[in-house]
Amino acid sequence: MLRDVLAMVFGDALESVSKIECIGSARNTLHVTASTKKGFRYFELYTHTDSPSPWPIIGAARGVSLDSSSDECIDLASSWIRDCIDNHRNCHYNECTPLPTRVVDVGSENVEPRLYVSKQEKAKYITLSHCWGGEIPITTTLATLEERQREIKFRELPKTFRDAISITRRLHIQYIWIDSLCIIQDSEDDWTREAASMAGVYRNGFVCIAADGAVDSSGGCFIGGLGRNLDIGYVGCPSTGERTSAVYVRERPDTMAGFGFAHVGRVSEHYESKLDTRGWVLQEQALSLRTLHYTVSELAWDCATYIRCECAIPPEEVETLQHIMQLRACKRMMGSELQEYSRWTNLVELFTQRSLTYETDRLHALSGIASFIRWPNVKFLAGLWDEELPVSLLWRTKSNPSNRATLVSRRHQNYYAPTWSWASVTGPVEFITLPGRARNFKLIPDLVIVGANCVASSANPFGPVKSAYLKISGSLIPLTSRTNPRGDVGNSTNRLSRSPYGRGFDCDASDKGMNEIVKGEPLWLLLIAHGERCGPGFSRLEGYHYLVLRESRLDPDSYERVGCLWGSGEFWESELSQGAQKQTLTLL
């Protein structure tokens, strides 16, 4: 049988195959690697469920449709949805929830869609997650609001919207929520109000349609072509009964970059979902109970319980996929109470690695999640929760691991958040307190939060702020020639990181090697916490952790943050502790 497969694939070039390796896969299919003079080729061998092969190692899988508009794909999506609703305890589900402020009534083949202003009645609706990719050809504005409520011409919609409406109709759901149509795009008040309610919109949706295969609104959900994970062919073989069976062959699928649950054939370009790179989409992914992914290669699914794809029959449990556990844990978090050092820091790290068209959306784009998981009697402080202070102050801008150079990170042009919040800078950040990052150490706080307050700059309490402060009591150490023999600590991050403080200086804002510290200006260290060993091994949590402060540009009697620093316990004991003074100060 294997010779027949190779003859079908290679034809006259069969003699070029020098070595064959066969391995059974977790998908219950047979993986074949063929070595040739030109390199390696990878194949997957499988059968259909209704015609099993006599070889147990070649199990059943599904063929992939020419494009995901097929009836087979709709039937498959419906079966996944029903199984999730009926059998998944981790996937919290309400049969019907209140509709968002506005939804699109999808109409039918004979009735045009229209924008519907809800009365908060309960009904099922679908949400769409997509990339704008520039200008959307049709939106709702103050001028077009009444017209949209009368009708929306189906043929005038971009392909992604048309496909999403078709899916909604075929799933027998009346409503879909599409951001550019359901939010008034030129009304700042409406935009701010709807951004704050995004948690309920995605969380209450029946299912989310993710247009992963499209880079903009014209790409669509239904994508065919060479990117599909299609069969090369098949060869006949004996069956377990009297009937003949067949073994099907396709290029062995590889996991889609950054995705973890869809597969793309190796003959096609290695593909990464554009949605996985966008900041706004993170809360859509984390809040949606269940998502149908329309990718270039196949239909896929994820919920808090299972990962599924069109080409494989058995689902994979979330816990078995390490590379997406972080996001899935966030999805599960949405349905349970947060614990100490919550998954909020997971979300912030994931979010800041993604891109935003407007950096001023940095807090807005997470405000939906923040509103959903808010704790009773716990304040939200410009991206941090006061219950997690002071150790949540120990964030740092992400650096290049090879040379410790801070990646591009800037302060916002206009005041956006206090300097002690990660939202005050652009670019990726990471927390040393991330759950599971160092199980053998725990952080012991070394300062006390006396008071804290933020004043929101809009109606969204989880968005940017117009003023904020932290009043804290702790150990403040001036940087002097004794504690820094090299003197000009403000000249560059490199000199500060080579100083006796240790190996761990991170400047908050840095671009092209320049940082915001002015040469020769007075700087201070504020001790935040120290690590205490509770198991074997080494961690960066061991040692002492500081913020680097300077005089505030807003108020000379207060301080502002310019970086953070890690130092050894030995240096704290021998040098820094001698100059430390207990003070109560204000950090802006």
Protein backbone atom coordinates (compact mmCIF):
# COMPACT_ATOMS: atom_id res chain seq x y z
CA MET A 1 0.00 0.00 0.00
CA LEU A 2 2.76 2.43 0.93
CA ARG A 3 4.53 1.80 -2.39
CA ASP A 4 1.28 2.61 -4.20
CA VAL A 5 1.02 5.86 -2.25
CA LEU A 6 4.58 6.87 -3.10
CA ALA A 7 4.09 5.95 -6.76
CA MET A 8 0.98 8.16 -6.88
CA VAL A 9 2.77 11.10 -5.25
CA PHE A 10 6.16 10.93 -6.98
CA GLY A 11 5.30 9.26 -10.28
CA ASP A 12 8.40 8.80 -12.42
CA ALA A 13 10.54 10.40 -9.68
CA LEU A 14 9.89 7.51 -7.27
CA GLU A 15 13.53 6.35 -7.58
CA SER A 16 14.63 9.67 -6.04
CA VAL A 17 13.16 8.58 -2.67
CA SER A 18 16.03 7.28 -0.55
CA LYS A 19 14.36 6.85 2.83
CA ILE A 20 10.87 6.55 4.29
CA GLU A 21 9.90 7.18 7.92
CA CYS A 22 6.40 6.38 9.23
CA ILE A 23 5.10 7.58 12.61
CA GLY A 24 1.63 7.22 14.13
CA SER A 25 0.23 10.62 15.18
CA ALA A 26 -1.90 11.82 18.07
CA ARG A 27 -4.57 12.52 15.43
CA ASN A 28 -4.83 8.73 14.84
CA THR A 29 -3.40 9.12 11.35
CA LEU A 30 -0.09 7.98 9.81
CA HIS A 31 2.62 10.56 9.20
CA VAL A 32 5.07 9.74 6.43
CA THR A 33 8.37 11.52 5.77
CA ALA A 34 10.06 10.88 2.42
CA SER A 35 13.73 11.78 1.93
CA THR A 36 14.73 12.75 -1.61
CA LYS A 37 17.71 14.39 -3.27
CA LYS A 38 15.82 17.68 -3.19
CA GLY A 39 14.94 17.44 0.51
CA PHE A 40 12.02 16.13 2.55
CA ARG A 41 8.32 15.80 1.79
CA TYR A 42 5.72 15.19 4.48
CA PHE A 43 2.41 13.40 4.10
CA GLU A 44 -0.57 12.35 6.18
CA LEU A 45 -2.41 9.10 5.43
CA TYR A 46 -5.96 8.61 6.69
CA THR A 47 -9.29 6.95 5.93
CA HIS A 48 -12.92 7.97 6.22
CA THR A 49 -15.06 6.86 9.15
CA ASP A 50 -17.42 4.84 6.94
CA SER A 51 -14.60 2.85 5.28
CA PRO A 52 -11.88 2.01 7.82
CA SER A 53 -8.60 0.45 6.74
CA PRO A 54 -7.33 -2.90 8.06
CA TRP A 55 -4.35 -1.09 9.62
CA PRO A 56 -5.19 0.52 13.00
CA ILE A 57 -2.34 3.00 12.64
CA ILE A 58 -4.17 4.61 9.69
CA GLY A 59 -7.21 6.03 11.42
CA ALA A 60 -10.07 8.22 10.31
CA ALA A 61 -9.90 11.93 9.55
CA ARG A 62 -11.96 14.42 7.56
CA GLY A 63 -11.39 15.77 4.10
CA VAL A 64 -11.25 19.55 3.85
CA SER A 65 -13.83 21.38 1.74
CA LEU A 66 -12.83 23.38 -1.34
CA ASP A 67 -13.98 26.41 0.63
CA SER A 68 -15.77 26.85 3.94
CA SER A 69 -19.07 27.99 2.43
CA SER A 70 -19.99 24.33 1.84
CA ASP A 71 -23.01 22.71 3.46
CA GLU A 72 -20.59 20.24 5.08
CA CYS A 73 -18.82 23.10 6.87
CA ILE A 74 -22.08 24.62 8.10
CA ASP A 75 -23.24 21.20 9.34
CA LEU A 76 -19.88 20.69 11.08
CA ALA A 77 -20.05 24.12 12.71
CA SER A 78 -23.59 23.40 13.91
CA SER A 79 -22.49 20.09 15.45
CA TRP A 80 -19.60 21.77 17.30
CA ILE A 81 -21.92 24.45 18.68
CA ARG A 82 -24.51 21.92 19.83
CA ASP A 83 -21.90 19.70 21.50
CA CYS A 84 -20.46 22.71 23.36
CA ILE A 85 -23.87 23.85 24.60
CA ASP A 86 -24.99 20.39 25.65
CA ASN A 87 -21.80 18.88 27.09
CA HIS A 88 -19.13 21.43 28.08
CA ARG A 89 -19.25 22.35 31.75
CA ASN A 90 -16.38 24.86 31.36
CA CYS A 91 -18.29 26.77 28.69
CA HIS A 92 -20.83 28.86 30.57
CA TYR A 93 -23.93 29.39 28.46
CA ASN A 94 -27.15 31.35 28.75
CA GLU A 95 -29.82 30.33 26.26
CA CYS A 96 -30.81 33.91 25.51
CA THR A 97 -29.24 37.14 26.72
CA PRO A 98 -30.16 40.82 26.26
CA LEU A 99 -29.30 42.17 22.83
CA PRO A 100 -26.62 44.88 22.56
CA THR A 101 -27.63 48.49 21.90
CA ARG A 102 -27.75 47.83 18.15
CA VAL A 103 -27.49 44.68 16.05
CA VAL A 104 -27.88 43.89 12.38
CA ASP A 105 -31.07 41.99 11.55
CA VAL A 106 -29.69 39.69 8.84
CA GLY A 107 -32.96 39.41 6.91
CA SER A 108 -33.09 36.64 4.31
CA GLU A 109 -32.39 35.94 0.65
CA ASN A 110 -35.40 38.12 -0.19
CA VAL A 111 -35.17 40.67 2.64
CA GLU A 112 -32.28 43.13 2.99
CA PRO A 113 -30.42 43.35 6.33
CA ARG A 114 -31.08 46.39 8.51
CA LEU A 115 -29.74 47.97 11.66
CA TYR A 116 -31.99 47.19 14.61
CA VAL A 117 -32.03 49.33 17.77
CA SER A 118 -32.82 46.87 20.52
CA LYS A 119 -35.12 47.24 23.48
CA GLN A 120 -32.76 45.05 25.54
CA GLU A 121 -35.00 42.08 24.74
CA LYS A 122 -33.46 38.61 25.04
CA ALA A 123 -32.45 36.86 21.84
CA LYS A 124 -29.54 34.94 20.32
CA TYR A 125 -27.04 36.91 18.27
CA ILE A 126 -23.66 36.28 16.65
CA THR A 127 -20.59 38.54 16.82
CA LEU A 128 -17.97 39.17 14.13
CA SER A 129 -14.24 39.48 14.80
CA HIS A 130 -12.42 40.94 11.80
CA CYS A 131 -9.57 43.21 10.69
CA TRP A 132 -10.55 46.58 9.34
CA GLY A 133 -7.32 46.82 7.33
CA GLY A 134 -7.90 50.46 6.51
CA GLU A 135 -11.13 52.18 5.56
CA ILE A 136 -14.38 50.21 5.78
CA PRO A 137 -16.52 50.95 2.71
CA ILE A 138 -19.75 51.09 4.72
CA THR A 139 -20.19 52.24 8.35
CA THR A 140 -22.88 53.78 10.54
CA THR A 141 -22.54 57.49 11.22
CA LEU A 142 -24.87 60.10 12.68
CA ALA A 143 -25.85 61.01 9.13
CA THR A 144 -26.57 57.42 8.02
CA LEU A 145 -28.15 56.06 11.24
CA GLU A 146 -31.75 56.37 10.06
CA GLU A 147 -30.93 54.99 6.62
CA ARG A 148 -29.20 51.93 8.15
CA GLN A 149 -32.31 51.26 10.24
CA ARG A 150 -34.42 51.10 7.09
CA GLU A 151 -32.09 48.76 5.19
CA ILE A 152 -28.49 47.90 4.42
CA LYS A 153 -27.88 46.88 0.82
CA PHE A 154 -26.37 43.40 1.01
CA ARG A 155 -24.49 43.79 -2.28
CA GLU A 156 -22.83 47.02 -1.01
CA LEU A 157 -21.33 45.33 2.05
CA PRO A 158 -17.67 44.21 1.98
CA LYS A 159 -17.18 40.50 1.42
CA THR A 160 -16.33 39.70 5.05
CA PHE A 161 -19.65 41.21 6.19
CA ARG A 162 -21.63 39.43 3.45
CA ASP A 163 -20.06 36.08 4.33
CA ALA A 164 -20.68 36.60 8.06
CA ILE A 165 -24.34 37.45 7.42
CA SER A 166 -24.67 34.33 5.23
CA ILE A 167 -23.23 32.15 8.02
CA THR A 168 -25.64 33.73 10.52
CA ARG A 169 -28.61 33.03 8.29
CA ARG A 170 -27.54 29.42 7.69
CA LEU A 171 -27.15 28.88 11.44
CA HIS A 172 -30.74 30.15 11.78
CA ILE A 173 -29.80 33.14 13.96
CA GLN A 174 -31.58 36.45 13.31
CA TYR A 175 -29.00 38.96 14.53
CA ILE A 176 -25.29 39.68 14.16
CA TRP A 177 -23.17 42.37 15.85
CA ILE A 178 -20.59 44.06 13.58
CA ASP A 179 -18.63 46.89 15.18
CA SER A 180 -18.48 49.33 12.25
CA LEU A 181 -22.23 49.04 11.68
CA CYS A 182 -23.45 48.82 15.29
CA ILE A 183 -21.33 51.63 16.76
CA ILE A 184 -21.84 55.19 15.48
CA GLN A 185 -18.36 55.84 14.14
CA ASP A 186 -18.36 59.65 14.28
CA SER A 187 -19.91 59.94 17.75
CA GLU A 188 -17.26 60.01 20.48
CA ASP A 189 -19.91 59.57 23.19
CA ASP A 190 -21.40 56.50 21.50
CA TRP A 191 -17.98 55.03 20.78
CA THR A 192 -16.84 55.47 24.40
CA ARG A 193 -20.08 54.04 25.81
CA GLU A 194 -20.06 51.01 23.49
CA ALA A 195 -16.33 50.34 24.06
CA ALA A 196 -17.04 50.13 27.79
CA SER A 197 -19.84 47.61 27.19
CA MET A 198 -17.80 45.38 24.87
CA ALA A 199 -17.51 42.69 27.56
CA GLY A 200 -21.23 42.02 27.50
CA VAL A 201 -21.40 42.15 23.71
CA TYR A 202 -18.87 39.36 23.14
CA ARG A 203 -19.56 37.40 26.31
CA ASN A 204 -23.28 37.14 25.61
CA GLY A 205 -22.89 36.29 21.94
CA PHE A 206 -24.10 32.85 20.85
CA VAL A 207 -20.90 32.31 18.86
CA CYS A 208 -18.18 34.55 17.43
CA ILE A 209 -17.26 34.35 13.74
CA ALA A 210 -13.53 35.08 13.34
CA ALA A 211 -12.47 36.07 9.82
CA ASP A 212 -8.92 34.80 10.31
CA GLY A 213 -8.20 34.37 6.62
CA ALA A 214 -8.82 38.02 5.73
CA VAL A 215 -6.41 40.94 6.15
CA ASP A 216 -9.18 43.48 5.61
CA SER A 217 -12.93 43.70 5.15
CA SER A 218 -12.72 42.63 1.49
CA GLY A 219 -11.05 39.28 2.21
CA GLY A 220 -14.14 37.40 3.32
CA CYS A 221 -14.71 34.32 5.45
CA PHE A 222 -15.06 31.84 2.59
CA ILE A 223 -11.59 31.42 1.14
CA GLY A 224 -10.60 28.73 -1.36
CA GLY A 225 -7.50 28.04 -3.40
CA LEU A 226 -4.08 26.51 -2.84
CA GLY A 227 -4.10 27.36 0.86
CA ARG A 228 -6.77 24.73 1.52
CA ASN A 229 -5.55 21.57 3.20
CA LEU A 230 -6.75 19.34 0.32
CA ASP A 231 -6.06 15.74 -0.61
CA ILE A 232 -3.45 14.80 -3.20
CA GLY A 233 -5.32 11.60 -4.00
CA TYR A 234 -6.13 8.13 -2.67
CA VAL A 235 -5.26 4.46 -3.19
CA GLY A 236 -7.55 1.48 -2.80
CA CYS A 237 -7.00 -1.01 0.01
CA PRO A 238 -8.78 -3.96 1.65
CA SER A 239 -11.46 -3.11 4.18
CA THR A 240 -12.30 -4.84 7.45
CA GLY A 241 -15.36 -6.30 5.74
CA GLU A 242 -15.99 -7.48 2.20
CA ARG A 243 -16.01 -3.92 0.82
CA THR A 244 -12.93 -2.20 -0.52
CA SER A 245 -11.69 0.89 1.27
CA ALA A 246 -9.31 3.75 0.44
CA VAL A 247 -6.37 5.47 2.05
CA TYR A 248 -6.32 9.22 1.39
CA VAL A 249 -3.14 11.24 1.14
CA ARG A 250 -2.51 14.94 1.74
CA GLU A 251 0.49 17.08 2.49
CA ARG A 252 1.00 16.69 6.22
CA PRO A 253 -0.59 19.69 7.89
CA ASP A 254 1.44 21.96 10.09
CA THR A 255 0.06 23.99 12.98
CA MET A 256 -0.80 27.50 11.85
CA ALA A 257 1.66 30.10 13.14
CA GLY A 258 0.45 31.78 16.32
CA PHE A 259 -2.81 29.84 16.19
CA GLY A 260 -2.46 26.41 17.75
CA PHE A 261 -5.67 24.86 16.48
CA ALA A 262 -5.97 25.29 12.70
CA HIS A 263 -3.65 23.56 10.25
CA VAL A 264 -2.12 24.66 6.99
CA GLY A 265 -0.61 22.40 4.33
CA ARG A 266 3.15 22.57 4.02
CA VAL A 267 2.86 23.23 0.29
CA SER A 268 1.27 26.59 1.03
CA GLU A 269 2.81 29.67 2.58
CA HIS A 270 3.16 29.36 6.36
CA TYR A 271 0.23 31.47 7.46
CA GLU A 272 -0.47 33.51 10.55
CA SER A 273 -3.87 34.90 11.33
CA LYS A 274 -3.89 38.69 11.09
CA LEU A 275 -6.42 38.73 13.92
CA ASP A 276 -3.82 37.20 16.24
CA THR A 277 -1.67 40.33 15.87
CA ARG A 278 -4.34 42.92 16.68
CA GLY A 279 -4.78 44.41 20.15
CA TRP A 280 -8.54 44.96 20.00
CA VAL A 281 -9.11 41.34 19.03
CA LEU A 282 -7.62 39.94 22.26
CA GLN A 283 -10.67 40.79 24.34
CA GLU A 284 -12.90 39.44 21.58
CA GLN A 285 -10.98 36.13 21.79
CA ALA A 286 -10.93 36.01 25.58
CA LEU A 287 -14.55 37.05 26.12
CA SER A 288 -16.25 34.97 23.42
CA LEU A 289 -17.54 31.69 24.80
CA ARG A 290 -17.05 29.89 21.51
CA THR A 291 -15.46 30.90 18.22
CA LEU A 292 -15.69 29.64 14.64
CA HIS A 293 -12.43 30.40 12.84
CA TYR A 294 -12.62 30.82 9.07
CA THR A 295 -8.98 30.44 8.04
CA VAL A 296 -7.29 30.14 4.63
CA SER A 297 -6.77 26.41 5.13
CA GLU A 298 -9.79 25.06 6.99
CA LEU A 299 -12.63 25.70 9.42
CA ALA A 300 -11.58 25.62 13.09
CA TRP A 301 -13.12 26.03 16.53
CA ASP A 302 -12.18 26.96 20.04
CA CYS A 303 -13.98 27.22 23.35
CA ALA A 304 -12.89 26.88 26.97
CA THR A 305 -12.99 23.08 26.67
CA TYR A 306 -11.88 21.95 23.21
CA ILE A 307 -9.85 22.92 20.19
CA ARG A 308 -11.22 21.48 16.94
CA CYS A 309 -10.44 21.67 13.26
CA GLU A 310 -12.01 20.51 10.03
CA CYS A 311 -9.29 18.02 9.08
CA ALA A 312 -9.18 16.08 12.39
CA ILE A 313 -12.00 14.15 14.02
CA PRO A 314 -10.93 13.88 17.69
CA PRO A 315 -10.83 17.25 19.49
CA GLU A 316 -7.84 18.34 21.53
CA GLU A 317 -8.33 19.40 25.11
CA VAL A 318 -7.15 22.89 25.98
CA GLU A 319 -4.66 21.66 28.60
CA THR A 320 -2.69 19.63 26.02
CA LEU A 321 -1.78 22.70 23.93
CA GLN A 322 0.87 24.61 25.86
CA HIS A 323 1.29 27.42 23.34
CA ILE A 324 -2.32 28.60 23.65
CA MET A 325 -2.97 27.73 27.30
CA GLN A 326 -2.35 31.32 28.35
CA LEU A 327 -5.16 32.73 26.20
CA ARG A 328 -7.50 29.84 26.94
CA ALA A 329 -6.88 30.32 30.67
CA CYS A 330 -8.01 33.90 30.18
CA LYS A 331 -11.15 32.64 28.44
CA ARG A 332 -11.90 30.37 31.40
CA MET A 333 -11.12 33.17 33.80
CA MET A 334 -14.06 35.12 32.44
CA GLY A 335 -16.41 32.66 34.13
CA SER A 336 -14.84 32.46 37.58
CA GLU A 337 -13.65 34.64 40.43
CA LEU A 338 -10.13 36.03 40.14
CA GLN A 339 -7.52 34.92 42.62
CA GLU A 340 -4.49 36.76 43.98
CA TYR A 341 -2.08 37.87 41.20
CA SER A 342 -4.81 37.17 38.72
CA ARG A 343 -4.75 36.34 35.07
CA TRP A 344 -5.09 40.06 34.39
CA THR A 345 -1.32 40.20 34.02
CA ASN A 346 -1.52 37.38 31.45
CA LEU A 347 -3.93 39.48 29.44
CA VAL A 348 -1.82 42.63 29.66
CA GLU A 349 1.29 40.78 28.45
CA LEU A 350 -0.58 39.16 25.56
CA PHE A 351 -2.25 42.44 24.68
CA THR A 352 0.87 44.63 24.64
CA GLN A 353 2.58 42.24 22.22
CA ARG A 354 -0.12 43.06 19.68
CA SER A 355 -0.48 46.12 17.48
CA LEU A 356 -2.92 49.01 17.66
CA THR A 357 -3.68 51.46 14.89
CA TYR A 358 -4.02 54.16 17.54
CA GLU A 359 -1.83 53.89 20.64
CA THR A 360 -4.43 55.94 22.51
CA ASP A 361 -6.63 52.81 22.42
CA ARG A 362 -4.24 51.07 24.84
CA LEU A 363 -6.71 51.09 27.74
CA HIS A 364 -9.91 51.28 25.71
CA ALA A 365 -9.09 48.00 23.96
CA LEU A 366 -8.98 46.13 27.30
CA SER A 367 -11.79 48.02 29.01
CA GLY A 368 -14.37 45.39 28.07
CA ILE A 369 -12.48 42.71 29.96
CA ALA A 370 -11.77 45.06 32.86
CA SER A 371 -15.46 45.86 33.23
CA PHE A 372 -16.34 42.17 33.16
CA ILE A 373 -13.88 40.98 35.80
CA ARG A 374 -14.02 43.90 38.20
CA TRP A 375 -13.84 42.91 41.85
CA PRO A 376 -16.19 44.19 44.53
CA ASN A 377 -14.60 47.10 46.42
CA VAL A 378 -11.41 46.94 44.29
CA LYS A 379 -10.30 50.00 42.34
CA PHE A 380 -9.12 49.94 38.74
CA LEU A 381 -6.15 52.27 38.50
CA ALA A 382 -5.22 53.02 34.88
CA GLY A 383 -4.57 49.38 33.98
CA LEU A 384 -3.77 47.98 37.44
CA TRP A 385 -5.96 46.73 40.32
CA ASP A 386 -5.29 48.25 43.73
CA GLU A 387 -5.67 44.82 45.36
CA GLU A 388 -2.52 43.70 43.52
CA LEU A 389 -0.37 46.66 44.50
CA PRO A 390 2.48 47.12 45.15
CA VAL A 391 3.96 44.06 43.35
CA SER A 392 2.01 44.80 40.14
CA LEU A 393 4.14 47.95 39.85
CA LEU A 394 6.97 45.61 38.85
CA TRP A 395 6.35 45.65 35.12
CA ARG A 396 9.07 46.37 32.63
CA THR A 397 9.25 47.19 28.96
CA LYS A 398 10.30 44.14 27.03
CA SER A 399 13.94 43.99 25.99
CA ASN A 400 16.07 42.13 23.48
CA PRO A 401 17.33 39.04 25.37
CA SER A 402 20.67 39.08 23.53
CA ASN A 403 21.80 42.58 24.49
CA ARG A 404 19.23 43.75 27.09
CA ALA A 405 18.39 46.74 24.83
CA THR A 406 14.85 47.95 25.48
CA LEU A 407 12.58 47.56 22.47
CA VAL A 408 10.95 50.71 21.12
CA SER A 409 8.72 52.14 23.84
CA ARG A 410 7.55 55.72 24.12
CA ARG A 411 5.49 57.84 26.46
CA HIS A 412 2.22 59.09 24.99
CA GLN A 413 2.41 62.54 23.42
CA ASN A 414 -0.38 63.81 25.66
CA TYR A 415 -1.06 62.69 29.23
CA TYR A 416 -2.73 59.30 29.11
CA ALA A 417 -1.88 57.41 32.32
CA PRO A 418 0.40 57.83 35.35
CA THR A 419 4.05 56.83 34.87
CA TRP A 420 3.64 53.92 37.31
CA SER A 421 1.12 52.25 34.97
CA TRP A 422 2.14 50.09 32.00
CA ALA A 423 -0.45 52.03 29.99
CA SER A 424 1.77 55.15 30.15
CA VAL A 425 4.12 53.65 27.55
CA THR A 426 3.76 51.98 24.17
CA GLY A 427 5.15 48.61 23.15
CA PRO A 428 5.25 45.21 24.88
CA VAL A 429 5.61 44.89 28.66
CA GLU A 430 6.02 41.95 31.02
CA PHE A 431 5.45 41.38 34.74
CA ILE A 432 7.84 39.47 36.98
CA THR A 433 4.79 38.50 39.04
CA LEU A 434 3.07 36.56 36.26
CA PRO A 435 1.40 33.45 37.73
CA GLY A 436 3.59 30.36 37.32
CA ARG A 437 6.64 32.37 36.23
CA ALA A 438 8.68 31.41 39.31
CA ARG A 439 7.04 28.87 41.60
CA ASN A 440 10.09 28.53 43.83
CA PHE A 441 10.02 32.16 45.01
CA LYS A 442 7.50 34.59 46.38
CA LEU A 443 7.64 38.36 46.57
CA ILE A 444 7.49 40.13 49.93
CA PRO A 445 6.27 43.75 49.59
CA ASP A 446 8.57 46.38 51.12
CA LEU A 447 6.31 49.43 50.86
CA VAL A 448 2.78 50.38 51.86
CA ILE A 449 0.15 51.96 49.63
CA VAL A 450 -1.26 54.86 51.67
CA GLY A 451 -3.70 56.08 49.02
CA ALA A 452 -4.46 55.90 45.32
CA ASN A 453 -6.83 57.57 42.90
CA CYS A 454 -7.48 57.95 39.17
CA VAL A 455 -9.86 60.36 37.45
CA ALA A 456 -11.10 59.01 34.14
CA SER A 457 -10.90 61.31 31.12
CA SER A 458 -14.21 60.03 29.68
CA ALA A 459 -17.38 58.17 30.62
CA ASN A 460 -15.42 54.90 30.41
CA PRO A 461 -14.03 54.26 33.92
CA PHE A 462 -11.59 51.70 32.49
CA GLY A 463 -10.17 54.00 29.81
CA PRO A 464 -7.41 56.66 29.92
CA VAL A 465 -7.25 59.09 32.82
CA LYS A 466 -6.76 62.83 33.14
CA SER A 467 -5.06 62.65 36.55
CA ALA A 468 -3.81 59.98 38.95
CA TYR A 469 -1.56 59.50 41.94
CA LEU A 470 -0.18 56.88 44.32
CA LYS A 471 0.69 57.90 47.86
CA ILE A 472 3.17 55.41 49.24
CA SER A 473 5.38 54.85 52.26
CA GLY A 474 8.66 53.07 51.67
CA SER A 475 12.46 53.14 51.43
CA LEU A 476 13.85 55.81 49.09
CA ILE A 477 17.52 55.74 48.10
CA PRO A 478 19.17 58.67 46.28
CA LEU A 479 21.61 57.70 43.54
CA THR A 480 24.94 59.22 44.59
CA SER A 481 28.60 58.80 43.68
CA ARG A 482 28.82 56.25 46.49
CA THR A 483 26.07 54.06 45.16
CA ASN A 484 27.00 54.78 41.54
CA PRO A 485 30.75 55.37 41.16
CA ARG A 486 30.40 55.86 37.41
CA GLY A 487 28.50 59.07 37.98
CA ASP A 488 26.42 60.02 34.96
CA VAL A 489 23.67 57.43 35.36
CA GLY A 490 21.39 59.36 33.07
CA ASN A 491 23.74 59.16 30.09
CA SER A 492 22.57 55.75 28.89
CA THR A 493 20.81 52.62 29.97
CA ASN A 494 24.02 50.69 29.42
CA ARG A 495 25.94 52.62 32.09
CA LEU A 496 23.16 52.24 34.61
CA SER A 497 22.91 48.50 33.93
CA ARG A 498 26.70 48.17 34.40
CA SER A 499 26.53 49.94 37.74
CA PRO A 500 26.66 48.08 41.08
CA TYR A 501 22.85 47.91 41.27
CA GLY A 502 22.87 44.65 39.36
CA ARG A 503 22.10 43.26 35.91
CA GLY A 504 18.51 44.35 35.74
CA PHE A 505 17.93 48.00 34.76
CA ASP A 506 15.05 48.56 32.35
CA CYS A 507 14.25 52.04 31.09
CA ASP A 508 10.52 52.62 30.55
CA ALA A 509 10.84 54.70 27.37
CA SER A 510 13.53 54.07 24.80
CA ASP A 511 13.77 54.64 21.06
CA LYS A 512 16.85 54.09 18.87
CA GLY A 513 19.09 53.75 21.91
CA MET A 514 17.90 57.00 23.50
CA ASN A 515 15.91 57.03 26.73
CA GLU A 516 13.98 59.65 28.68
CA ILE A 517 16.54 60.05 31.48
CA VAL A 518 18.36 63.38 31.19
CA LYS A 519 22.12 63.25 31.77
CA GLY A 520 23.03 64.39 35.25
CA GLU A 521 19.50 64.71 36.62
CA PRO A 522 18.90 63.45 40.20
CA LEU A 523 17.47 59.93 40.39
CA TRP A 524 16.18 57.78 43.25
CA LEU A 525 15.48 54.11 43.86
CA LEU A 526 12.22 53.12 45.53
CA LEU A 527 12.30 49.63 47.06
CA ILE A 528 9.13 47.75 46.06
CA ALA A 529 9.68 44.13 47.14
CA HIS A 530 12.23 41.38 47.68
CA GLY A 531 12.15 37.72 46.76
CA GLU A 532 11.97 34.95 49.33
CA ARG A 533 12.96 31.41 48.42
CA CYS A 534 10.31 28.75 48.96
CA GLY A 535 11.84 25.95 46.85
CA PRO A 536 14.99 24.87 45.00
CA GLY A 537 16.45 26.68 42.00
CA PHE A 538 17.12 30.27 40.94
CA SER A 539 14.73 32.96 39.80
CA ARG A 540 14.92 36.62 38.99
CA LEU A 541 12.44 37.05 41.82
CA GLU A 542 15.38 36.46 44.15
CA GLY A 543 17.00 39.73 45.15
CA TYR A 544 15.55 43.22 45.53
CA HIS A 545 13.24 45.06 43.13
CA TYR A 546 13.09 48.83 42.74
CA LEU A 547 11.49 51.56 40.70
CA VAL A 548 13.82 54.25 39.34
CA LEU A 549 12.31 57.68 40.03
CA ARG A 550 12.98 61.31 39.23
CA GLU A 551 11.31 64.60 40.13
CA SER A 552 7.89 64.83 38.49
CA ARG A 553 7.51 67.13 35.51
CA LEU A 554 3.94 67.85 36.67
CA ASP A 555 4.68 68.62 40.32
CA PRO A 556 8.21 69.22 41.71
CA ASP A 557 7.09 67.96 45.13
CA SER A 558 6.20 64.54 43.65
CA TYR A 559 8.03 61.83 41.75
CA GLU A 560 7.55 59.99 38.49
CA ARG A 561 8.77 56.63 37.29
CA VAL A 562 11.43 56.29 34.55
CA GLY A 563 12.36 52.61 34.92
CA CYS A 564 12.76 49.59 37.16
CA LEU A 565 15.78 47.75 38.49
CA TRP A 566 16.76 44.41 39.99
CA GLY A 567 19.67 44.12 42.43
CA SER A 568 21.20 41.41 44.56
CA GLY A 569 20.40 41.03 48.23
CA GLU A 570 24.11 41.38 49.03
CA PHE A 571 24.29 44.82 47.46
CA TRP A 572 21.18 45.94 49.32
CA GLU A 573 22.69 44.88 52.63
CA SER A 574 26.19 46.28 52.03
CA GLU A 575 25.43 49.52 50.18
CA LEU A 576 21.89 50.64 49.47
CA SER A 577 20.30 50.00 52.86
CA GLN A 578 22.71 52.47 54.47
CA GLY A 579 21.36 55.36 52.38
CA ALA A 580 17.71 54.31 52.48
CA GLN A 581 15.24 56.64 54.18
CA LYS A 582 11.67 55.78 55.09
CA GLN A 583 9.48 58.37 53.43
CA THR A 584 5.90 58.98 52.45
CA LEU A 585 5.81 60.31 48.90
CA THR A 586 3.49 60.85 45.96
CA LEU A 587 4.08 59.10 42.66
CA LEU A 588 2.46 60.58 39.54
